[in-house]
Amino acid sequence: MTKRIYGYLKSGESITDESIEAFALEAENGYSEEMLLMARRGRGRPRLGSDKKSVESVRLGASLKSEAVRRAQADGISVSEVLRRALERYLRSA
């Protein structure tokens, strides 16, 4: 009987019934927090630190938005990062 192959890992190794059993056993045994944190992230937005984040909406006038865009391009960061930094500075100056 030939081995059934379900696909291939990034390394090129074929995925067989035996490797699926090994993956399942590994998952059932659990993963350490350290191992999960070191795991390479896939697609999606990168994390912004370890704190839980929320998404907020802000209305900006055209001139303020263009200033933020120019500053972001000059600093090589996103407009969101410009806004985060500005808000942090404002809140810490009070």
PDB file of N, CA and C in Angstrom:
ATOM      1  N   MET A   1       0.839  -1.180   0.000  1.00  0.00           N
ATOM      2  CA  MET A   1       0.000   0.000   0.000  1.00  0.00           C
ATOM      3  C   MET A   1       0.890   1.252   0.000  1.00  0.00           C
ATOM      4  N   THR A   2       0.581   2.185  -0.843  1.00  0.00           N
ATOM      5  CA  THR A   2       1.379   3.401  -0.922  1.00  0.00           C
ATOM      6  C   THR A   2       0.937   4.392   0.143  1.00  0.00           C
ATOM      7  N   LYS A   3       1.883   5.206   0.571  1.00  0.00           N
ATOM      8  CA  LYS A   3       1.604   6.252   1.559  1.00  0.00           C
ATOM      9  C   LYS A   3       0.765   7.344   0.927  1.00  0.00           C
ATOM     10  N   ARG A   4      -0.264   7.772   1.635  1.00  0.00           N
ATOM     11  CA  ARG A   4      -1.078   8.880   1.139  1.00  0.00           C
ATOM     12  C   ARG A   4      -0.404  10.187   1.532  1.00  0.00           C
ATOM     13  N   ILE A   5      -0.273  11.100   0.591  1.00  0.00           N
ATOM     14  CA  ILE A   5       0.350  12.396   0.840  1.00  0.00           C
ATOM     15  C   ILE A   5      -0.726  13.458   0.729  1.00  0.00           C
ATOM     16  N   TYR A   6      -0.841  14.291   1.793  1.00  0.00           N
ATOM     17  CA  TYR A   6      -1.878  15.315   1.862  1.00  0.00           C
ATOM     18  C   TYR A   6      -1.384  16.701   1.451  1.00  0.00           C
ATOM     19  N   GLY A   7      -0.134  16.832   1.237  1.00  0.00           N
ATOM     20  CA  GLY A   7       0.451  18.118   0.880  1.00  0.00           C
ATOM     21  C   GLY A   7       1.895  18.142   1.328  1.00  0.00           C
ATOM     22  N   TYR A   8       2.461  19.342   1.378  1.00  0.00           N
ATOM     23  CA  TYR A   8       3.865  19.482   1.729  1.00  0.00           C
ATOM     24  C   TYR A   8       4.057  20.644   2.689  1.00  0.00           C
ATOM     25  N   LEU A   9       5.012  20.491   3.592  1.00  0.00           N
ATOM     26  CA  LEU A   9       5.389  21.568   4.492  1.00  0.00           C
ATOM     27  C   LEU A   9       6.280  22.554   3.750  1.00  0.00           C
ATOM     28  N   LYS A  10       6.527  23.704   4.364  1.00  0.00           N
ATOM     29  CA  LYS A  10       7.425  24.689   3.729  1.00  0.00           C
ATOM     30  C   LYS A  10       8.805  24.096   3.480  1.00  0.00           C
ATOM     31  N   SER A  11       9.206  23.161   4.347  1.00  0.00           N
ATOM     32  CA  SER A  11      10.515  22.530   4.200  1.00  0.00           C
ATOM     33  C   SER A  11      10.577  21.572   3.012  1.00  0.00           C
ATOM     34  N   GLY A  12       9.401  21.245   2.434  1.00  0.00           N
ATOM     35  CA  GLY A  12       9.349  20.313   1.322  1.00  0.00           C
ATOM     36  C   GLY A  12       8.977  18.910   1.761  1.00  0.00           C
ATOM     37  N   GLU A  13       8.967  18.677   3.066  1.00  0.00           N
ATOM     38  CA  GLU A  13       8.605  17.364   3.605  1.00  0.00           C
ATOM     39  C   GLU A  13       7.123  17.100   3.335  1.00  0.00           C
ATOM     40  N   SER A  14       6.819  15.876   2.936  1.00  0.00           N
ATOM     41  CA  SER A  14       5.425  15.550   2.638  1.00  0.00           C
ATOM     42  C   SER A  14       4.630  15.334   3.921  1.00  0.00           C
ATOM     43  N   ILE A  15       3.342  15.658   3.871  1.00  0.00           N
ATOM     44  CA  ILE A  15       2.448  15.474   5.012  1.00  0.00           C
ATOM     45  C   ILE A  15       1.735  14.142   4.810  1.00  0.00           C
ATOM     46  N   THR A  16       1.965  13.221   5.745  1.00  0.00           N
ATOM     47  CA  THR A  16       1.379  11.886   5.670  1.00  0.00           C
ATOM     48  C   THR A  16       0.503  11.647   6.899  1.00  0.00           C
ATOM     49  N   ASP A  17      -0.127  10.481   6.954  1.00  0.00           N
ATOM     50  CA  ASP A  17      -0.930  10.122   8.121  1.00  0.00           C
ATOM     51  C   ASP A  17      -0.079  10.149   9.396  1.00  0.00           C
ATOM     52  N   GLU A  18       1.155   9.673   9.295  1.00  0.00           N
ATOM     53  CA  GLU A  18       2.048   9.649  10.457  1.00  0.00           C
ATOM     54  C   GLU A  18       2.386  11.063  10.932  1.00  0.00           C
ATOM     55  N   SER A  19       2.648  11.979  10.002  1.00  0.00           N
ATOM     56  CA  SER A  19       2.992  13.351  10.420  1.00  0.00           C
ATOM     57  C   SER A  19       1.772  14.052  11.001  1.00  0.00           C
ATOM     58  N   ILE A  20       0.575  13.759  10.490  1.00  0.00           N
ATOM     59  CA  ILE A  20      -0.646  14.344  11.058  1.00  0.00           C
ATOM     60  C   ILE A  20      -0.840  13.856  12.480  1.00  0.00           C
ATOM     61  N   GLU A  21      -0.603  12.560  12.721  1.00  0.00           N
ATOM     62  CA  GLU A  21      -0.695  12.009  14.072  1.00  0.00           C
ATOM     63  C   GLU A  21       0.312  12.701  14.998  1.00  0.00           C
ATOM     64  N   ALA A  22       1.519  12.929  14.513  1.00  0.00           N
ATOM     65  CA  ALA A  22       2.544  13.600  15.327  1.00  0.00           C
ATOM     66  C   ALA A  22       2.131  15.040  15.635  1.00  0.00           C
ATOM     67  N   PHE A  23       1.561  15.748  14.660  1.00  0.00           N
ATOM     68  CA  PHE A  23       1.099  17.121  14.892  1.00  0.00           C
ATOM     69  C   PHE A  23      -0.021  17.145  15.929  1.00  0.00           C
ATOM     70  N   ALA A  24      -0.950  16.183  15.827  1.00  0.00           N
ATOM     71  CA  ALA A  24      -2.071  16.117  16.769  1.00  0.00           C
ATOM     72  C   ALA A  24      -1.575  15.838  18.179  1.00  0.00           C
ATOM     73  N   LEU A  25      -0.639  14.910  18.324  1.00  0.00           N
ATOM     74  CA  LEU A  25      -0.086  14.584  19.633  1.00  0.00           C
ATOM     75  C   LEU A  25       0.617  15.798  20.237  1.00  0.00           C
ATOM     76  N   GLU A  26       1.371  16.507  19.408  1.00  0.00           N
ATOM     77  CA  GLU A  26       2.062  17.712  19.862  1.00  0.00           C
ATOM     78  C   GLU A  26       1.058  18.759  20.354  1.00  0.00           C
ATOM     79  N   ALA A  27      -0.029  18.934  19.625  1.00  0.00           N
ATOM     80  CA  ALA A  27      -1.057  19.911  20.013  1.00  0.00           C
ATOM     81  C   ALA A  27      -1.768  19.472  21.291  1.00  0.00           C
ATOM     82  N   GLU A  28      -2.057  18.178  21.417  1.00  0.00           N
ATOM     83  CA  GLU A  28      -2.724  17.683  22.615  1.00  0.00           C
ATOM     84  C   GLU A  28      -1.862  17.856  23.855  1.00  0.00           C
ATOM     85  N   ASN A  29      -0.549  17.748  23.700  1.00  0.00           N
ATOM     86  CA  ASN A  29       0.367  17.936  24.827  1.00  0.00           C
ATOM     87  C   ASN A  29       0.461  19.399  25.226  1.00  0.00           C
ATOM     88  N   GLY A  30       0.069  20.284  24.327  1.00  0.00           N
ATOM     89  CA  GLY A  30       0.074  21.716  24.615  1.00  0.00           C
ATOM     90  C   GLY A  30       1.387  22.374  24.222  1.00  0.00           C
ATOM     91  N   TYR A  31       1.302  23.684  24.086  1.00  0.00           N
ATOM     92  CA  TYR A  31       2.468  24.478  23.715  1.00  0.00           C
ATOM     93  C   TYR A  31       2.758  25.454  24.841  1.00  0.00           C
ATOM     94  N   SER A  32       4.016  25.702  25.096  1.00  0.00           N
ATOM     95  CA  SER A  32       4.377  26.682  26.119  1.00  0.00           C
ATOM     96  C   SER A  32       4.106  28.086  25.578  1.00  0.00           C
ATOM     97  N   GLU A  33       3.853  29.015  26.489  1.00  0.00           N
ATOM     98  CA  GLU A  33       3.598  30.396  26.082  1.00  0.00           C
ATOM     99  C   GLU A  33       4.788  30.949  25.313  1.00  0.00           C
ATOM    100  N   GLU A  34       5.974  30.593  25.768  1.00  0.00           N
ATOM    101  CA  GLU A  34       7.205  31.057  25.116  1.00  0.00           C
ATOM    102  C   GLU A  34       7.268  30.579  23.662  1.00  0.00           C
ATOM    103  N   MET A  35       6.892  29.328  23.452  1.00  0.00           N
ATOM    104  CA  MET A  35       6.926  28.768  22.097  1.00  0.00           C
ATOM    105  C   MET A  35       5.911  29.471  21.195  1.00  0.00           C
ATOM    106  N   LEU A  36       4.730  29.761  21.750  1.00  0.00           N
ATOM    107  CA  LEU A  36       3.711  30.442  20.955  1.00  0.00           C
ATOM    108  C   LEU A  36       4.126  31.865  20.614  1.00  0.00           C
ATOM    109  N   LEU A  37       4.774  32.552  21.551  1.00  0.00           N
ATOM    110  CA  LEU A  37       5.203  33.922  21.294  1.00  0.00           C
ATOM    111  C   LEU A  37       6.319  33.971  20.259  1.00  0.00           C
ATOM    112  N   MET A  38       7.132  32.929  20.217  1.00  0.00           N
ATOM    113  CA  MET A  38       8.243  32.897  19.265  1.00  0.00           C
ATOM    114  C   MET A  38       7.794  32.447  17.882  1.00  0.00           C
ATOM    115  N   ALA A  39       6.600  31.862  17.805  1.00  0.00           N
ATOM    116  CA  ALA A  39       6.107  31.363  16.519  1.00  0.00           C
ATOM    117  C   ALA A  39       5.992  32.511  15.529  1.00  0.00           C
ATOM    118  N   ARG A  40       6.356  32.238  14.332  1.00  0.00           N
ATOM    119  CA  ARG A  40       6.318  33.260  13.289  1.00  0.00           C
ATOM    120  C   ARG A  40       4.882  33.592  12.944  1.00  0.00           C
ATOM    121  N   ARG A  41       4.581  34.866  12.913  1.00  0.00           N
ATOM    122  CA  ARG A  41       3.222  35.287  12.563  1.00  0.00           C
ATOM    123  C   ARG A  41       2.977  35.089  11.076  1.00  0.00           C
ATOM    124  N   GLY A  42       1.752  34.824  10.795  1.00  0.00           N
ATOM    125  CA  GLY A  42       1.347  34.689   9.403  1.00  0.00           C
ATOM    126  C   GLY A  42       0.866  36.023   8.870  1.00  0.00           C
ATOM    127  N   ARG A  43      -0.125  35.962   8.047  1.00  0.00           N
ATOM    128  CA  ARG A  43      -0.670  37.161   7.434  1.00  0.00           C
ATOM    129  C   ARG A  43      -1.422  37.983   8.467  1.00  0.00           C
ATOM    130  N   GLY A  44      -1.682  39.208   8.121  1.00  0.00           N
ATOM    131  CA  GLY A  44      -2.434  40.081   9.007  1.00  0.00           C
ATOM    132  C   GLY A  44      -1.575  41.202   9.548  1.00  0.00           C
ATOM    133  N   ARG A  45      -2.196  42.022  10.361  1.00  0.00           N
ATOM    134  CA  ARG A  45      -1.480  43.165  10.921  1.00  0.00           C
ATOM    135  C   ARG A  45      -0.507  42.723  11.995  1.00  0.00           C
ATOM    136  N   PRO A  46       0.660  43.340  12.055  1.00  0.00           N
ATOM    137  CA  PRO A  46       1.600  42.994  13.128  1.00  0.00           C
ATOM    138  C   PRO A  46       1.099  43.525  14.460  1.00  0.00           C
ATOM    139  N   ARG A  47       1.513  42.894  15.534  1.00  0.00           N
ATOM    140  CA  ARG A  47       1.130  43.328  16.865  1.00  0.00           C
ATOM    141  C   ARG A  47       1.794  44.652  17.210  1.00  0.00           C
ATOM    142  N   LEU A  48       1.105  45.442  18.041  1.00  0.00           N
ATOM    143  CA  LEU A  48       1.651  46.709  18.532  1.00  0.00           C
ATOM    144  C   LEU A  48       1.947  46.558  20.017  1.00  0.00           C
ATOM    145  N   GLY A  49       2.793  45.622  20.371  1.00  0.00           N
ATOM    146  CA  GLY A  49       3.084  45.377  21.771  1.00  0.00           C
ATOM    147  C   GLY A  49       2.202  44.276  22.312  1.00  0.00           C
ATOM    148  N   SER A  50       2.233  44.098  23.640  1.00  0.00           N
ATOM    149  CA  SER A  50       1.507  42.986  24.247  1.00  0.00           C
ATOM    150  C   SER A  50       0.129  43.379  24.765  1.00  0.00           C
ATOM    151  N   ASP A  51      -0.150  44.678  24.892  1.00  0.00           N
ATOM    152  CA  ASP A  51      -1.457  45.119  25.396  1.00  0.00           C
ATOM    153  C   ASP A  51      -2.551  44.886  24.363  1.00  0.00           C
ATOM    154  N   LYS A  52      -3.764  44.657  24.866  1.00  0.00           N
ATOM    155  CA  LYS A  52      -4.906  44.531  23.969  1.00  0.00           C
ATOM    156  C   LYS A  52      -5.195  45.904  23.364  1.00  0.00           C
ATOM    157  N   LYS A  53      -5.499  45.937  22.095  1.00  0.00           N
ATOM    158  CA  LYS A  53      -5.725  47.200  21.389  1.00  0.00           C
ATOM    159  C   LYS A  53      -7.191  47.350  21.000  1.00  0.00           C
ATOM    160  N   SER A  54      -7.600  48.594  20.781  1.00  0.00           N
ATOM    161  CA  SER A  54      -8.935  48.865  20.263  1.00  0.00           C
ATOM    162  C   SER A  54      -8.790  49.799  19.067  1.00  0.00           C
ATOM    163  N   VAL A  55      -9.794  49.798  18.236  1.00  0.00           N
ATOM    164  CA  VAL A  55      -9.797  50.660  17.056  1.00  0.00           C
ATOM    165  C   VAL A  55     -10.736  51.822  17.352  1.00  0.00           C
ATOM    166  N   GLU A  56     -10.265  53.037  17.149  1.00  0.00           N
ATOM    167  CA  GLU A  56     -11.053  54.245  17.383  1.00  0.00           C
ATOM    168  C   GLU A  56     -11.138  55.048  16.098  1.00  0.00           C
ATOM    169  N   SER A  57     -12.207  55.804  15.948  1.00  0.00           N
ATOM    170  CA  SER A  57     -12.377  56.657  14.772  1.00  0.00           C
ATOM    171  C   SER A  57     -12.111  58.102  15.152  1.00  0.00           C
ATOM    172  N   VAL A  58     -11.462  58.815  14.257  1.00  0.00           N
ATOM    173  CA  VAL A  58     -11.152  60.230  14.473  1.00  0.00           C
ATOM    174  C   VAL A  58     -11.460  60.969  13.180  1.00  0.00           C
ATOM    175  N   ARG A  59     -12.146  62.083  13.290  1.00  0.00           N
ATOM    176  CA  ARG A  59     -12.399  62.920  12.107  1.00  0.00           C
ATOM    177  C   ARG A  59     -11.330  63.997  12.057  1.00  0.00           C
ATOM    178  N   LEU A  60     -10.682  64.108  10.910  1.00  0.00           N
ATOM    179  CA  LEU A  60      -9.632  65.106  10.715  1.00  0.00           C
ATOM    180  C   LEU A  60     -10.023  66.014   9.561  1.00  0.00           C
ATOM    181  N   GLY A  61      -9.746  67.303   9.731  1.00  0.00           N
ATOM    182  CA  GLY A  61      -9.921  68.226   8.621  1.00  0.00           C
ATOM    183  C   GLY A  61      -8.878  67.936   7.557  1.00  0.00           C
ATOM    184  N   ALA A  62      -9.121  68.426   6.355  1.00  0.00           N
ATOM    185  CA  ALA A  62      -8.228  68.143   5.223  1.00  0.00           C
ATOM    186  C   ALA A  62      -6.804  68.610   5.491  1.00  0.00           C
ATOM    187  N   SER A  63      -6.642  69.802   6.076  1.00  0.00           N
ATOM    188  CA  SER A  63      -5.284  70.313   6.301  1.00  0.00           C
ATOM    189  C   SER A  63      -4.553  69.509   7.377  1.00  0.00           C
ATOM    190  N   LEU A  64      -5.268  69.111   8.434  1.00  0.00           N
ATOM    191  CA  LEU A  64      -4.640  68.311   9.493  1.00  0.00           C
ATOM    192  C   LEU A  64      -4.267  66.933   8.960  1.00  0.00           C
ATOM    193  N   LYS A  65      -5.135  66.355   8.151  1.00  0.00           N
ATOM    194  CA  LYS A  65      -4.854  65.044   7.556  1.00  0.00           C
ATOM    195  C   LYS A  65      -3.629  65.120   6.652  1.00  0.00           C
ATOM    196  N   SER A  66      -3.536  66.158   5.820  1.00  0.00           N
ATOM    197  CA  SER A  66      -2.383  66.258   4.911  1.00  0.00           C
ATOM    198  C   SER A  66      -1.095  66.488   5.694  1.00  0.00           C
ATOM    199  N   GLU A  67      -1.170  67.246   6.799  1.00  0.00           N
ATOM    200  CA  GLU A  67       0.016  67.417   7.649  1.00  0.00           C
ATOM    201  C   GLU A  67       0.440  66.089   8.258  1.00  0.00           C
ATOM    202  N   ALA A  68      -0.538  65.315   8.705  1.00  0.00           N
ATOM    203  CA  ALA A  68      -0.236  64.005   9.298  1.00  0.00           C
ATOM    204  C   ALA A  68       0.381  63.072   8.257  1.00  0.00           C
ATOM    205  N   VAL A  69      -0.138  63.101   7.048  1.00  0.00           N
ATOM    206  CA  VAL A  69       0.400  62.260   5.971  1.00  0.00           C
ATOM    207  C   VAL A  69       1.835  62.665   5.646  1.00  0.00           C
ATOM    208  N   ARG A  70       2.073  63.984   5.536  1.00  0.00           N
ATOM    209  CA  ARG A  70       3.440  64.466   5.259  1.00  0.00           C
ATOM    210  C   ARG A  70       4.399  64.047   6.366  1.00  0.00           C
ATOM    211  N   ARG A  71       3.975  64.179   7.607  1.00  0.00           N
ATOM    212  CA  ARG A  71       4.841  63.807   8.734  1.00  0.00           C
ATOM    213  C   ARG A  71       5.116  62.305   8.725  1.00  0.00           C
ATOM    214  N   ALA A  72       4.098  61.519   8.448  1.00  0.00           N
ATOM    215  CA  ALA A  72       4.277  60.068   8.393  1.00  0.00           C
ATOM    216  C   ALA A  72       5.273  59.680   7.305  1.00  0.00           C
ATOM    217  N   GLN A  73       5.147  60.292   6.133  1.00  0.00           N
ATOM    218  CA  GLN A  73       6.072  59.988   5.035  1.00  0.00           C
ATOM    219  C   GLN A  73       7.488  60.420   5.383  1.00  0.00           C
ATOM    220  N   ALA A  74       7.626  61.576   6.016  1.00  0.00           N
ATOM    221  CA  ALA A  74       8.958  62.073   6.382  1.00  0.00           C
ATOM    222  C   ALA A  74       9.624  61.172   7.415  1.00  0.00           C
ATOM    223  N   ASP A  75       8.816  60.653   8.351  1.00  0.00           N
ATOM    224  CA  ASP A  75       9.362  59.806   9.414  1.00  0.00           C
ATOM    225  C   ASP A  75       9.390  58.330   9.043  1.00  0.00           C
ATOM    226  N   GLY A  76       8.785  57.969   7.911  1.00  0.00           N
ATOM    227  CA  GLY A  76       8.764  56.574   7.490  1.00  0.00           C
ATOM    228  C   GLY A  76       7.861  55.710   8.352  1.00  0.00           C
ATOM    229  N   ILE A  77       6.765  56.289   8.834  1.00  0.00           N
ATOM    230  CA  ILE A  77       5.818  55.557   9.678  1.00  0.00           C
ATOM    231  C   ILE A  77       4.405  55.746   9.123  1.00  0.00           C
ATOM    232  N   SER A  78       3.449  55.073   9.725  1.00  0.00           N
ATOM    233  CA  SER A  78       2.063  55.204   9.270  1.00  0.00           C
ATOM    234  C   SER A  78       1.411  56.437   9.890  1.00  0.00           C
ATOM    235  N   VAL A  79       0.315  56.872   9.279  1.00  0.00           N
ATOM    236  CA  VAL A  79      -0.458  57.985   9.838  1.00  0.00           C
ATOM    237  C   VAL A  79      -0.989  57.587  11.211  1.00  0.00           C
ATOM    238  N   SER A  80      -1.385  56.336  11.384  1.00  0.00           N
ATOM    239  CA  SER A  80      -1.859  55.863  12.682  1.00  0.00           C
ATOM    240  C   SER A  80      -0.792  56.033  13.754  1.00  0.00           C
ATOM    241  N   GLU A  81       0.451  55.750  13.399  1.00  0.00           N
ATOM    242  CA  GLU A  81       1.544  55.908  14.369  1.00  0.00           C
ATOM    243  C   GLU A  81       1.759  57.376  14.698  1.00  0.00           C
ATOM    244  N   VAL A  82       1.637  58.258  13.717  1.00  0.00           N
ATOM    245  CA  VAL A  82       1.739  59.704  13.972  1.00  0.00           C
ATOM    246  C   VAL A  82       0.669  60.115  14.986  1.00  0.00           C
ATOM    247  N   LEU A  83      -0.567  59.647  14.774  1.00  0.00           N
ATOM    248  CA  LEU A  83      -1.657  59.991  15.675  1.00  0.00           C
ATOM    249  C   LEU A  83      -1.449  59.413  17.069  1.00  0.00           C
ATOM    250  N   ARG A  84      -0.971  58.165  17.154  1.00  0.00           N
ATOM    251  CA  ARG A  84      -0.688  57.565  18.465  1.00  0.00           C
ATOM    252  C   ARG A  84       0.351  58.368  19.226  1.00  0.00           C
ATOM    253  N   ARG A  85       1.438  58.735  18.539  1.00  0.00           N
ATOM    254  CA  ARG A  85       2.505  59.502  19.194  1.00  0.00           C
ATOM    255  C   ARG A  85       2.019  60.873  19.642  1.00  0.00           C
ATOM    256  N   ALA A  86       1.228  61.522  18.794  1.00  0.00           N
ATOM    257  CA  ALA A  86       0.706  62.845  19.147  1.00  0.00           C
ATOM    258  C   ALA A  86      -0.211  62.753  20.359  1.00  0.00           C
ATOM    259  N   LEU A  87      -1.066  61.749  20.403  1.00  0.00           N
ATOM    260  CA  LEU A  87      -1.983  61.576  21.531  1.00  0.00           C
ATOM    261  C   LEU A  87      -1.213  61.259  22.809  1.00  0.00           C
ATOM    262  N   GLU A  88      -0.197  60.402  22.717  1.00  0.00           N
ATOM    263  CA  GLU A  88       0.630  60.104  23.896  1.00  0.00           C
ATOM    264  C   GLU A  88       1.280  61.364  24.436  1.00  0.00           C
ATOM    265  N   ARG A  89       1.874  62.164  23.558  1.00  0.00           N
ATOM    266  CA  ARG A  89       2.518  63.412  24.005  1.00  0.00           C
ATOM    267  C   ARG A  89       1.500  64.353  24.662  1.00  0.00           C
ATOM    268  N   TYR A  90       0.348  64.485  24.056  1.00  0.00           N
ATOM    269  CA  TYR A  90      -0.691  65.362  24.594  1.00  0.00           C
ATOM    270  C   TYR A  90      -1.117  64.906  25.983  1.00  0.00           C
ATOM    271  N   LEU A  91      -1.380  63.618  26.142  1.00  0.00           N
ATOM    272  CA  LEU A  91      -1.858  63.104  27.420  1.00  0.00           C
ATOM    273  C   LEU A  91      -0.801  63.182  28.523  1.00  0.00           C
ATOM    274  N   ARG A  92       0.457  63.039  28.158  1.00  0.00           N
ATOM    275  CA  ARG A  92       1.543  63.092  29.145  1.00  0.00           C
ATOM    276  C   ARG A  92       1.919  64.527  29.520  1.00  0.00           C
ATOM    277  N   SER A  93       1.520  65.494  28.694  1.00  0.00           N
ATOM    278  CA  SER A  93       1.884  66.890  28.978  1.00  0.00           C
ATOM    279  C   SER A  93       0.889  67.546  29.938  1.00  0.00           C
ATOM    280  N   ALA A  94      -0.255  66.957  30.149  1.00  0.00           N
ATOM    281  CA  ALA A  94      -1.297  67.556  30.989  1.00  0.00           C
ATOM    282  C   ALA A  94      -0.954  67.522  32.468  1.00  0.00           C
TER     283      ALA A  94
END
